[in-house]
Structure formats: C-alpha cells, structure tokens
C-alpha cells in the first residue's frame, strides 16, 4: 500500500510515557519500523503522554480538529 501523508504529524498518546529506548532487539525493531514507515509515507510521529483523566477530552478534541481540517482541505 502506497500513500503520502504530506508531511503531517501523527500523535500517539497514552497515559503512560511511551519510550522506545535501549538496545533490546524488539525495541530496535520498533524504532526501525517507525523510521521506515515515516520515510515511506512522508509523515512524522510523536508520542504524547496524556493524564488518564484527560484521555476522553483529548481524543474528542483531536477528532473534532481532524474533522475541521478535512472539511477545509476539501474546499
């Protein structure tokens, strides 16, 4: 599957800190896979820590913004 995300930033959020640090083979494979996907599909990914009690609010806000951006781009 080939597609171009136009340099967009994809934010991945969790209530715990997401880090892919160290030299364990699984962690190295995850970092390499993310880098390969970013290059292939022209996007960046960032990992954001969101407090558990703010997850629904953050998700709702993100989806609302996504909907507005999609409508603006289709004009």
N, C-alpha and C. Protein backbone atom coordinates (compact mmCIF):
# COMPACT_ATOMS: atom_id res chain seq x y z
N UNK A 1 0.85 -1.17 0.00
CA UNK A 1 0.00 0.00 0.00
C UNK A 1 0.91 1.24 0.00
N UNK A 2 0.65 2.13 -0.95
CA UNK A 2 1.46 3.34 -1.06
C UNK A 2 0.57 4.58 -0.91
N UNK A 3 0.93 5.46 -0.03
CA UNK A 3 0.22 6.72 0.13
C UNK A 3 1.15 7.74 0.76
N UNK A 4 0.85 9.01 0.53
CA UNK A 4 1.67 10.11 1.02
C UNK A 4 0.84 10.94 1.99
N UNK A 5 1.31 11.07 3.20
CA UNK A 5 0.58 11.84 4.21
C UNK A 5 0.98 13.32 4.22
N UNK A 6 1.76 13.71 3.25
CA UNK A 6 2.05 15.13 3.07
C UNK A 6 2.82 15.79 4.19
N UNK A 7 3.63 15.04 4.91
CA UNK A 7 4.43 15.62 5.98
C UNK A 7 3.68 15.86 7.27
N UNK A 8 2.47 15.32 7.37
CA UNK A 8 1.67 15.52 8.59
C UNK A 8 2.32 14.88 9.81
N UNK A 9 1.94 15.38 10.97
CA UNK A 9 2.40 14.81 12.23
C UNK A 9 1.28 13.92 12.78
N UNK A 10 1.62 12.69 13.10
CA UNK A 10 0.68 11.77 13.72
C UNK A 10 1.07 11.67 15.19
N UNK A 11 0.14 12.00 16.07
CA UNK A 11 0.43 11.94 17.50
C UNK A 11 -0.19 10.68 18.09
N UNK A 12 0.62 9.94 18.81
CA UNK A 12 0.18 8.75 19.52
C UNK A 12 0.20 9.09 21.00
N UNK A 13 -0.93 8.88 21.67
CA UNK A 13 -1.00 9.26 23.07
C UNK A 13 -1.34 8.07 23.95
N UNK A 14 -0.84 8.13 25.16
CA UNK A 14 -1.15 7.12 26.17
C UNK A 14 -1.03 7.79 27.53
N UNK A 15 -1.56 7.16 28.54
CA UNK A 15 -1.49 7.76 29.87
C UNK A 15 -0.17 7.44 30.56
N UNK A 16 0.64 6.62 29.91
CA UNK A 16 1.99 6.37 30.43
C UNK A 16 2.99 6.87 29.40
N UNK A 17 4.20 7.08 29.82
CA UNK A 17 5.25 7.58 28.93
C UNK A 17 5.64 6.48 27.94
N UNK A 18 5.53 6.77 26.65
CA UNK A 18 5.91 5.81 25.62
C UNK A 18 7.33 6.13 25.18
N UNK A 19 8.23 5.22 25.43
CA UNK A 19 9.62 5.41 25.02
C UNK A 19 10.13 4.10 24.45
N UNK A 20 10.86 4.21 23.37
CA UNK A 20 11.49 3.05 22.76
C UNK A 20 13.00 3.25 22.91
N UNK A 21 13.48 3.04 24.12
CA UNK A 21 14.88 3.27 24.44
C UNK A 21 15.57 1.94 24.71
N UNK A 22 16.85 1.95 24.55
CA UNK A 22 17.65 0.76 24.86
C UNK A 22 18.02 -0.01 23.61
N UNK A 23 18.70 -1.12 23.83
CA UNK A 23 19.21 -1.88 22.69
C UNK A 23 18.61 -3.28 22.60
N UNK A 24 17.50 -3.51 23.29
CA UNK A 24 16.82 -4.81 23.16
C UNK A 24 16.37 -4.97 21.71
N UNK A 25 16.52 -6.14 21.13
CA UNK A 25 16.17 -6.33 19.71
C UNK A 25 14.73 -5.91 19.36
N UNK A 26 13.80 -6.13 20.26
CA UNK A 26 12.41 -5.73 19.99
C UNK A 26 12.28 -4.21 19.89
N UNK A 27 12.96 -3.51 20.78
CA UNK A 27 12.91 -2.05 20.80
C UNK A 27 13.60 -1.48 19.56
N UNK A 28 14.71 -2.04 19.20
CA UNK A 28 15.43 -1.61 17.99
C UNK A 28 14.54 -1.82 16.76
N UNK A 29 13.87 -2.96 16.69
CA UNK A 29 12.98 -3.26 15.56
C UNK A 29 11.82 -2.27 15.49
N UNK A 30 11.27 -1.90 16.63
CA UNK A 30 10.17 -0.91 16.66
C UNK A 30 10.67 0.43 16.12
N UNK A 31 11.81 0.90 16.61
CA UNK A 31 12.36 2.18 16.14
C UNK A 31 12.62 2.15 14.64
N UNK A 32 13.20 1.06 14.16
CA UNK A 32 13.48 0.95 12.73
C UNK A 32 12.20 0.93 11.90
N UNK A 33 11.19 0.22 12.38
CA UNK A 33 9.92 0.14 11.68
C UNK A 33 9.25 1.52 11.61
N UNK A 34 9.26 2.25 12.72
CA UNK A 34 8.68 3.59 12.73
C UNK A 34 9.42 4.49 11.74
N UNK A 35 10.74 4.45 11.76
CA UNK A 35 11.53 5.29 10.84
C UNK A 35 11.23 4.94 9.39
N UNK A 36 11.14 3.66 9.09
CA UNK A 36 10.84 3.21 7.72
C UNK A 36 9.46 3.69 7.27
N UNK A 37 8.48 3.56 8.14
CA UNK A 37 7.12 3.99 7.80
C UNK A 37 7.05 5.50 7.60
N UNK A 38 7.75 6.27 8.46
CA UNK A 38 7.76 7.73 8.32
C UNK A 38 8.34 8.15 6.98
N UNK A 39 9.42 7.50 6.59
CA UNK A 39 10.05 7.84 5.32
C UNK A 39 9.18 7.42 4.14
N UNK A 40 8.66 6.21 4.20
CA UNK A 40 7.86 5.68 3.09
C UNK A 40 6.58 6.48 2.85
N UNK A 41 5.92 6.91 3.94
CA UNK A 41 4.62 7.56 3.82
C UNK A 41 4.64 9.06 4.12
N UNK A 42 5.84 9.64 4.25
CA UNK A 42 6.00 11.09 4.40
C UNK A 42 5.19 11.66 5.57
N UNK A 43 5.53 11.23 6.78
CA UNK A 43 4.89 11.77 7.98
C UNK A 43 5.88 11.67 9.13
N UNK A 44 5.56 12.34 10.22
CA UNK A 44 6.33 12.20 11.44
C UNK A 44 5.40 11.70 12.53
N UNK A 45 5.95 11.01 13.47
CA UNK A 45 5.15 10.52 14.59
C UNK A 45 5.75 11.07 15.88
N UNK A 46 4.86 11.49 16.77
CA UNK A 46 5.32 11.92 18.09
C UNK A 46 4.48 11.20 19.13
N UNK A 47 5.09 10.95 20.25
CA UNK A 47 4.43 10.24 21.34
C UNK A 47 4.16 11.23 22.46
N UNK A 48 2.90 11.30 22.87
CA UNK A 48 2.46 12.29 23.85
C UNK A 48 1.89 11.57 25.07
N UNK A 49 2.28 12.00 26.23
CA UNK A 49 1.72 11.46 27.46
C UNK A 49 0.54 12.33 27.88
N UNK A 50 -0.62 11.71 28.05
CA UNK A 50 -1.83 12.41 28.45
C UNK A 50 -2.34 11.78 29.74
N UNK A 51 -2.58 12.58 30.77
CA UNK A 51 -3.10 12.00 32.01
C UNK A 51 -4.39 11.21 31.74
N UNK A 52 -4.54 10.11 32.45
CA UNK A 52 -5.67 9.21 32.23
C UNK A 52 -7.01 9.94 32.26
N UNK A 53 -7.17 10.84 33.20
CA UNK A 53 -8.46 11.53 33.33
C UNK A 53 -8.71 12.57 32.24
N UNK A 54 -7.73 12.80 31.38
CA UNK A 54 -7.90 13.76 30.27
C UNK A 54 -7.99 13.05 28.91
N UNK A 55 -7.93 11.72 28.89
CA UNK A 55 -7.90 10.98 27.63
C UNK A 55 -9.14 11.25 26.76
N UNK A 56 -10.32 11.17 27.33
CA UNK A 56 -11.54 11.36 26.53
C UNK A 56 -11.59 12.78 25.99
N UNK A 57 -11.29 13.75 26.81
CA UNK A 57 -11.29 15.15 26.38
C UNK A 57 -10.29 15.36 25.24
N UNK A 58 -9.10 14.82 25.39
CA UNK A 58 -8.06 14.98 24.37
C UNK A 58 -8.46 14.30 23.07
N UNK A 59 -9.01 13.10 23.16
CA UNK A 59 -9.43 12.37 21.97
C UNK A 59 -10.54 13.12 21.25
N UNK A 60 -11.54 13.57 21.99
CA UNK A 60 -12.66 14.29 21.39
C UNK A 60 -12.17 15.55 20.70
N UNK A 61 -11.27 16.28 21.35
CA UNK A 61 -10.72 17.49 20.77
C UNK A 61 -9.95 17.18 19.49
N UNK A 62 -9.16 16.12 19.50
CA UNK A 62 -8.37 15.74 18.32
C UNK A 62 -9.25 15.35 17.15
N UNK A 63 -10.28 14.58 17.41
CA UNK A 63 -11.18 14.14 16.34
C UNK A 63 -11.93 15.33 15.77
N UNK A 64 -12.34 16.26 16.63
CA UNK A 64 -13.03 17.46 16.15
C UNK A 64 -12.12 18.27 15.24
N UNK A 65 -10.88 18.44 15.63
CA UNK A 65 -9.93 19.19 14.80
C UNK A 65 -9.68 18.48 13.48
N UNK A 66 -9.59 17.18 13.51
CA UNK A 66 -9.37 16.41 12.30
C UNK A 66 -10.54 16.62 11.34
N UNK A 67 -11.75 16.59 11.84
CA UNK A 67 -12.92 16.81 11.00
C UNK A 67 -12.92 18.19 10.37
N UNK A 68 -12.54 19.21 11.13
CA UNK A 68 -12.50 20.57 10.59
C UNK A 68 -11.43 20.69 9.52
N UNK A 69 -10.26 20.11 9.76
CA UNK A 69 -9.19 20.18 8.78
C UNK A 69 -9.57 19.48 7.49
N UNK A 70 -10.23 18.34 7.59
CA UNK A 70 -10.65 17.59 6.40
C UNK A 70 -11.65 18.41 5.59
N UNK A 71 -12.57 19.09 6.25
CA UNK A 71 -13.55 19.92 5.55
C UNK A 71 -12.87 21.10 4.86
N UNK A 72 -11.91 21.72 5.53
CA UNK A 72 -11.21 22.87 4.95
C UNK A 72 -10.40 22.45 3.73
N UNK A 73 -9.77 21.28 3.79
CA UNK A 73 -8.93 20.82 2.68
C UNK A 73 -9.76 20.45 1.46
N UNK A 74 -11.01 20.04 1.67
CA UNK A 74 -11.84 19.61 0.54
C UNK A 74 -12.42 20.80 -0.24
N UNK A 75 -12.28 22.01 0.30
CA UNK A 75 -12.80 23.21 -0.39
C UNK A 75 -11.96 23.59 -1.56
